[in-house]
């Protein structure tokens, strides 16, 4: 189950402006689809870039690429008492923030 925690403001690194965002506890199937359809391909691309350029994942802005977000999100959807999962939604995109084993 997904519930709104609060409205927050994120600084857009490209424009330098602040944007409205929403912080949620939990996630839904749309968030899972975004994790697999948007984030995983981006992380894989960045992982290849880092390897080719001998950079770290942090240097190519993909330090969380090693986390298996999709698998962990599925676990959280099926058993919300196993993980706490948080999602930031901003400008039509979402970002899995963190989870913790309870």
N, C-alpha and C. Protein backbone atom coordinates (compact mmCIF):
# COMPACT_ATOMS: atom_id res chain seq x y z
N UNK A 1 0.84 -1.17 0.00
CA UNK A 1 0.00 0.00 0.00
C UNK A 1 0.89 1.24 0.00
N UNK A 2 0.45 2.25 -0.71
CA UNK A 2 1.22 3.47 -0.89
C UNK A 2 0.47 4.64 -0.27
N UNK A 3 1.17 5.41 0.55
CA UNK A 3 0.54 6.57 1.18
C UNK A 3 1.45 7.78 1.14
N UNK A 4 0.86 8.92 0.88
CA UNK A 4 1.61 10.17 0.82
C UNK A 4 2.13 10.55 2.20
N UNK A 5 3.43 10.83 2.29
CA UNK A 5 4.02 11.32 3.53
C UNK A 5 3.99 12.84 3.54
N UNK A 6 4.51 13.45 2.46
CA UNK A 6 4.56 14.92 2.44
C UNK A 6 4.95 15.41 1.06
N UNK A 7 4.68 16.67 0.85
CA UNK A 7 5.15 17.38 -0.34
C UNK A 7 6.54 17.90 -0.01
N UNK A 8 7.47 17.72 -0.94
CA UNK A 8 8.85 18.16 -0.73
C UNK A 8 9.30 18.94 -1.96
N UNK A 9 10.46 19.56 -1.85
CA UNK A 9 11.01 20.32 -2.97
C UNK A 9 12.38 19.76 -3.31
N UNK A 10 12.58 19.49 -4.59
CA UNK A 10 13.85 18.96 -5.06
C UNK A 10 14.52 19.98 -5.97
N UNK A 11 15.81 20.11 -5.84
CA UNK A 11 16.54 21.02 -6.71
C UNK A 11 16.91 20.27 -7.99
N UNK A 12 16.48 20.81 -9.11
CA UNK A 12 16.81 20.26 -10.41
C UNK A 12 18.25 20.65 -10.73
N UNK A 13 19.13 19.66 -10.83
CA UNK A 13 20.55 19.96 -11.06
C UNK A 13 20.80 20.56 -12.44
N UNK A 14 19.90 20.31 -13.38
CA UNK A 14 20.09 20.86 -14.73
C UNK A 14 19.70 22.33 -14.79
N UNK A 15 18.61 22.70 -14.10
CA UNK A 15 18.11 24.08 -14.18
C UNK A 15 18.48 24.93 -12.96
N UNK A 16 18.80 24.28 -11.86
CA UNK A 16 19.08 25.00 -10.62
C UNK A 16 17.82 25.45 -9.89
N UNK A 17 16.65 25.13 -10.44
CA UNK A 17 15.38 25.52 -9.84
C UNK A 17 14.82 24.39 -8.97
N UNK A 18 13.96 24.78 -8.02
CA UNK A 18 13.31 23.78 -7.17
C UNK A 18 12.00 23.35 -7.81
N UNK A 19 11.69 22.06 -7.68
CA UNK A 19 10.48 21.50 -8.24
C UNK A 19 9.69 20.80 -7.15
N UNK A 20 8.36 20.84 -7.29
CA UNK A 20 7.49 20.12 -6.36
C UNK A 20 7.67 18.62 -6.55
N UNK A 21 7.68 17.91 -5.46
CA UNK A 21 7.74 16.46 -5.50
C UNK A 21 6.90 15.93 -4.35
N UNK A 22 6.59 14.65 -4.41
CA UNK A 22 5.82 14.01 -3.35
C UNK A 22 6.58 12.79 -2.86
N UNK A 23 6.67 12.66 -1.56
CA UNK A 23 7.33 11.53 -0.93
C UNK A 23 6.27 10.57 -0.42
N UNK A 24 6.38 9.31 -0.86
CA UNK A 24 5.41 8.29 -0.49
C UNK A 24 6.07 7.18 0.31
N UNK A 25 5.31 6.62 1.23
CA UNK A 25 5.70 5.40 1.92
C UNK A 25 4.99 4.28 1.19
N UNK A 26 5.74 3.31 0.71
CA UNK A 26 5.16 2.24 -0.09
C UNK A 26 5.28 2.56 -1.57
N UNK A 27 4.83 1.62 -2.38
CA UNK A 27 4.87 1.82 -3.82
C UNK A 27 3.71 1.08 -4.45
N UNK A 28 3.48 1.35 -5.72
CA UNK A 28 2.41 0.67 -6.43
C UNK A 28 2.95 0.07 -7.72
N UNK A 29 2.08 -0.54 -8.49
CA UNK A 29 2.52 -1.23 -9.71
C UNK A 29 3.08 -0.26 -10.75
N UNK A 30 2.62 0.98 -10.75
CA UNK A 30 3.18 1.98 -11.67
C UNK A 30 4.63 2.27 -11.32
N UNK A 31 4.92 2.40 -10.02
CA UNK A 31 6.30 2.62 -9.60
C UNK A 31 7.18 1.44 -10.01
N UNK A 32 6.67 0.22 -9.83
CA UNK A 32 7.42 -0.97 -10.22
C UNK A 32 7.70 -0.97 -11.72
N UNK A 33 6.69 -0.60 -12.51
CA UNK A 33 6.89 -0.53 -13.97
C UNK A 33 7.95 0.50 -14.32
N UNK A 34 7.98 1.63 -13.62
CA UNK A 34 9.01 2.64 -13.87
C UNK A 34 10.39 2.15 -13.47
N UNK A 35 10.48 1.43 -12.36
CA UNK A 35 11.77 0.89 -11.92
C UNK A 35 12.33 -0.02 -13.00
N UNK A 36 11.50 -0.92 -13.51
CA UNK A 36 11.98 -1.88 -14.51
C UNK A 36 12.12 -1.27 -15.90
N UNK A 37 11.20 -0.36 -16.26
CA UNK A 37 11.21 0.19 -17.61
C UNK A 37 12.07 1.41 -17.82
N UNK A 38 12.29 2.18 -16.75
CA UNK A 38 13.08 3.41 -16.87
C UNK A 38 14.42 3.32 -16.16
N UNK A 39 14.38 2.91 -14.88
CA UNK A 39 15.60 2.95 -14.08
C UNK A 39 16.58 1.84 -14.42
N UNK A 40 16.09 0.61 -14.60
CA UNK A 40 17.01 -0.49 -14.89
C UNK A 40 17.79 -0.24 -16.18
N UNK A 41 17.14 0.13 -17.30
CA UNK A 41 17.91 0.39 -18.52
C UNK A 41 18.93 1.53 -18.34
N UNK A 42 18.55 2.57 -17.60
CA UNK A 42 19.47 3.68 -17.36
C UNK A 42 20.67 3.22 -16.54
N UNK A 43 20.41 2.45 -15.49
CA UNK A 43 21.52 1.94 -14.68
C UNK A 43 22.44 1.03 -15.49
N UNK A 44 21.87 0.21 -16.34
CA UNK A 44 22.70 -0.68 -17.17
C UNK A 44 23.56 0.13 -18.14
N UNK A 45 22.99 1.17 -18.72
CA UNK A 45 23.75 2.05 -19.61
C UNK A 45 24.89 2.72 -18.85
N UNK A 46 24.58 3.25 -17.69
CA UNK A 46 25.61 3.91 -16.88
C UNK A 46 26.69 2.93 -16.43
N UNK A 47 26.29 1.71 -16.12
CA UNK A 47 27.26 0.69 -15.72
C UNK A 47 28.25 0.42 -16.86
N UNK A 48 27.73 0.33 -18.08
CA UNK A 48 28.61 0.12 -19.25
C UNK A 48 29.51 1.33 -19.48
N UNK A 49 28.95 2.53 -19.31
CA UNK A 49 29.75 3.76 -19.46
C UNK A 49 30.89 3.79 -18.44
N UNK A 50 30.57 3.44 -17.20
CA UNK A 50 31.60 3.45 -16.15
C UNK A 50 32.71 2.45 -16.47
N UNK A 51 32.31 1.28 -16.91
CA UNK A 51 33.31 0.25 -17.23
C UNK A 51 34.19 0.70 -18.39
N UNK A 52 33.57 1.26 -19.43
CA UNK A 52 34.33 1.69 -20.61
C UNK A 52 35.26 2.86 -20.31
N UNK A 53 34.86 3.73 -19.39
CA UNK A 53 35.66 4.93 -19.10
C UNK A 53 36.51 4.78 -17.84
N UNK A 54 36.48 3.57 -17.24
CA UNK A 54 37.23 3.29 -16.01
C UNK A 54 36.84 4.23 -14.87
N UNK A 55 35.56 4.57 -14.81
CA UNK A 55 35.03 5.40 -13.74
C UNK A 55 34.25 4.54 -12.76
N UNK A 56 34.01 5.09 -11.59
CA UNK A 56 33.16 4.39 -10.62
C UNK A 56 31.69 4.66 -10.96
N UNK A 57 30.81 3.84 -10.40
CA UNK A 57 29.38 4.07 -10.60
C UNK A 57 28.96 5.42 -10.03
N UNK A 58 29.57 5.83 -8.94
CA UNK A 58 29.25 7.14 -8.36
C UNK A 58 29.63 8.27 -9.32
N UNK A 59 30.73 8.10 -10.03
CA UNK A 59 31.19 9.14 -10.96
C UNK A 59 30.26 9.30 -12.16
N UNK A 60 29.50 8.25 -12.49
CA UNK A 60 28.55 8.35 -13.60
C UNK A 60 27.11 8.45 -13.09
N UNK A 61 26.96 8.84 -11.81
CA UNK A 61 25.66 9.06 -11.19
C UNK A 61 24.79 7.80 -11.19
N UNK A 62 25.40 6.67 -10.87
CA UNK A 62 24.65 5.41 -10.83
C UNK A 62 25.10 4.54 -9.66
N UNK A 63 25.39 5.18 -8.53
CA UNK A 63 25.92 4.43 -7.40
C UNK A 63 24.96 3.39 -6.84
N UNK A 64 23.66 3.51 -7.15
CA UNK A 64 22.68 2.53 -6.68
C UNK A 64 22.40 1.43 -7.70
N UNK A 65 23.19 1.37 -8.75
CA UNK A 65 22.94 0.40 -9.82
C UNK A 65 23.06 -1.04 -9.36
N UNK A 66 23.81 -1.28 -8.31
CA UNK A 66 24.00 -2.66 -7.84
C UNK A 66 22.79 -3.18 -7.07
N UNK A 67 21.90 -2.31 -6.65
CA UNK A 67 20.72 -2.76 -5.92
C UNK A 67 19.74 -3.37 -6.91
N UNK A 68 19.09 -4.40 -6.53
CA UNK A 68 18.09 -5.03 -7.40
C UNK A 68 16.72 -4.46 -7.04
N UNK A 69 16.51 -3.21 -7.48
CA UNK A 69 15.31 -2.47 -7.10
C UNK A 69 14.02 -3.19 -7.47
N UNK A 70 13.97 -3.74 -8.68
CA UNK A 70 12.74 -4.40 -9.12
C UNK A 70 12.38 -5.59 -8.25
N UNK A 71 13.35 -6.43 -7.94
CA UNK A 71 13.10 -7.60 -7.09
C UNK A 71 12.67 -7.16 -5.69
N UNK A 72 13.34 -6.16 -5.15
CA UNK A 72 13.00 -5.70 -3.81
C UNK A 72 11.62 -5.03 -3.80
N UNK A 73 11.27 -4.34 -4.88
CA UNK A 73 9.95 -3.73 -4.97
C UNK A 73 8.86 -4.80 -5.02
N UNK A 74 9.10 -5.87 -5.76
CA UNK A 74 8.12 -6.97 -5.81
C UNK A 74 7.92 -7.58 -4.44
N UNK A 75 9.01 -7.79 -3.72
CA UNK A 75 8.90 -8.32 -2.36
C UNK A 75 8.08 -7.37 -1.50
N UNK A 76 8.35 -6.06 -1.61
CA UNK A 76 7.62 -5.07 -0.82
C UNK A 76 6.14 -5.04 -1.17
N UNK A 77 5.82 -5.22 -2.46
CA UNK A 77 4.41 -5.24 -2.87
C UNK A 77 3.71 -6.47 -2.31
N UNK A 78 4.40 -7.61 -2.33
CA UNK A 78 3.79 -8.86 -1.87
C UNK A 78 3.78 -9.01 -0.36
N UNK A 79 4.73 -8.39 0.32
CA UNK A 79 4.81 -8.49 1.78
C UNK A 79 5.25 -7.15 2.35
N UNK A 80 4.32 -6.21 2.53
CA UNK A 80 4.68 -4.86 2.97
C UNK A 80 5.28 -4.81 4.37
N UNK A 81 5.20 -5.91 5.12
CA UNK A 81 5.79 -5.93 6.46
C UNK A 81 7.25 -6.34 6.44
N UNK A 82 7.75 -6.79 5.29
CA UNK A 82 9.14 -7.22 5.20
C UNK A 82 10.07 -6.05 4.95
N UNK A 83 9.67 -5.12 4.08
CA UNK A 83 10.49 -3.97 3.74
C UNK A 83 9.68 -2.68 3.88
N UNK A 84 10.33 -1.63 4.31
CA UNK A 84 9.79 -0.29 4.19
C UNK A 84 10.34 0.27 2.90
N UNK A 85 9.49 0.75 2.03
CA UNK A 85 9.92 1.25 0.73
C UNK A 85 9.39 2.66 0.58
N UNK A 86 10.22 3.55 0.06
CA UNK A 86 9.84 4.95 -0.12
C UNK A 86 10.07 5.34 -1.57
N UNK A 87 9.20 6.19 -2.10
CA UNK A 87 9.28 6.63 -3.49
C UNK A 87 9.11 8.14 -3.54
N UNK A 88 9.97 8.79 -4.31
CA UNK A 88 9.82 10.21 -4.61
C UNK A 88 9.24 10.32 -6.01
N UNK A 89 8.19 11.09 -6.17
CA UNK A 89 7.61 11.33 -7.49
C UNK A 89 7.73 12.81 -7.80
N UNK A 90 8.27 13.10 -8.99
CA UNK A 90 8.49 14.49 -9.37
C UNK A 90 8.46 14.60 -10.89
N UNK A 91 7.64 15.48 -11.41
CA UNK A 91 7.61 15.74 -12.84
C UNK A 91 7.32 14.53 -13.71
N UNK A 92 6.45 13.64 -13.25
CA UNK A 92 6.10 12.47 -14.04
C UNK A 92 7.09 11.32 -13.93
N UNK A 93 8.08 11.47 -13.10
CA UNK A 93 9.06 10.41 -12.90
C UNK A 93 9.06 10.03 -11.43
N UNK A 94 9.57 8.87 -11.15
CA UNK A 94 9.66 8.45 -9.75
C UNK A 94 11.02 7.84 -9.48
N UNK A 95 11.36 7.82 -8.21
CA UNK A 95 12.66 7.34 -7.78
C UNK A 95 12.49 6.52 -6.52
N UNK A 96 12.89 5.24 -6.58
CA UNK A 96 12.87 4.47 -5.34
C UNK A 96 13.98 4.99 -4.44
N UNK A 97 13.64 5.35 -3.21
CA UNK A 97 14.63 5.96 -2.34
C UNK A 97 15.39 4.95 -1.52
N UNK A 98 14.70 4.20 -0.75
CA UNK A 98 15.39 3.25 0.11
C UNK A 98 14.38 2.28 0.65
N UNK A 99 14.89 1.26 1.21
CA UNK A 99 14.05 0.30 1.89
C UNK A 99 14.84 -0.19 3.08
N UNK A 100 14.14 -0.73 4.03
CA UNK A 100 14.83 -1.27 5.19
C UNK A 100 14.12 -2.53 5.65
N UNK A 101 14.90 -3.49 6.02
CA UNK A 101 14.34 -4.71 6.58
C UNK A 101 13.85 -4.40 7.98
N UNK A 102 12.66 -4.80 8.26
CA UNK A 102 12.07 -4.51 9.58
C UNK A 102 12.46 -5.59 10.56
